[in-house]
Amino acid sequence: MGLLSKTFLWTTPKLVRLYQRMYGSLVGGDDLPINMKGDRDIEYSWVVAHIPEGGGVALDFGSGPGWMALAAARKGFQVTALDMMPVRWFYVHPGLRFVQGDILKSLFPSNHFDLIINVSAIEHVGLNGRYDVVDAKPDGDLEAMAVLKAVLRPGKLMLFTIPIGQDRTFRPLHRVYGPERLPRLLDGWEILEQESWLKDENNLWVRADEGVALAREPTPLCFGLGLYVLKNARSD
């Protein structure tokens, strides 16, 4: 979600058109049905508002070409941005490096990071047909969360955003997390702060009760946003 700015040359024209509809980027896009336009404004502002002071070592998981890694680097973190696809930035920063790879391939040692940024990325893990993923892993998202928990130091934070609504999987696009899968995804994490957002009838993002957001029927074109500050509850 929110990834139309990524390199989509690998996609079929059908998928490109779908993402254009999701983000209102067709001619006359403002007249499209309720869509995801503006989701990154909500997610990025949440992350920036919660990046802790003090620095350390950080991971921006599923970074794409976004600037969350740069925001963390400006707060004093040494940041590794990780993505399955190549990324091009129009800047360099001494606290920022990029690694192309798969989080499930044991790229990082245990207890390595002081902060993880995870913006609408986990819902794609294991869904084949995107990001060069060939082998489907139905629980790839749960496996990735376990890896992230292992590489994050106990008691440290993950700034986390995901699609929410009734539980659905829209292959090969993304999962939507609801009452069934969301607790499995967050198992072993302590929720310090949480917000839910939905699009209203005017196609504007508004705060919503979590129960209301999780009960809404999602579509491939529109779903809710769950925003979380998570603390790694693992103890070694």
Foldseek 3Di string as FASTA:
>chain_A
DPCLVFDPPLDDPVVNVLVCQQQLVDVVSLPGAQHCHPVCVVQVVLLLVPQDADEEEEEEEQCAQDCSQVSNVVSPYQYEYEHQDDHDYPDDDPSYDYDHDDLLPCPAAFQHTQEYEAEADLFQFQFPPPSPDDGHDPCRSLSSLVSVLGRHHAFHKYWYKHFAAAWDRDPNPGTHDADPCVCSNCPQKDFPDKWKWAQDRSSDIDTDDRVVQNHHDADSGGHMMMTTIIGRNDDD
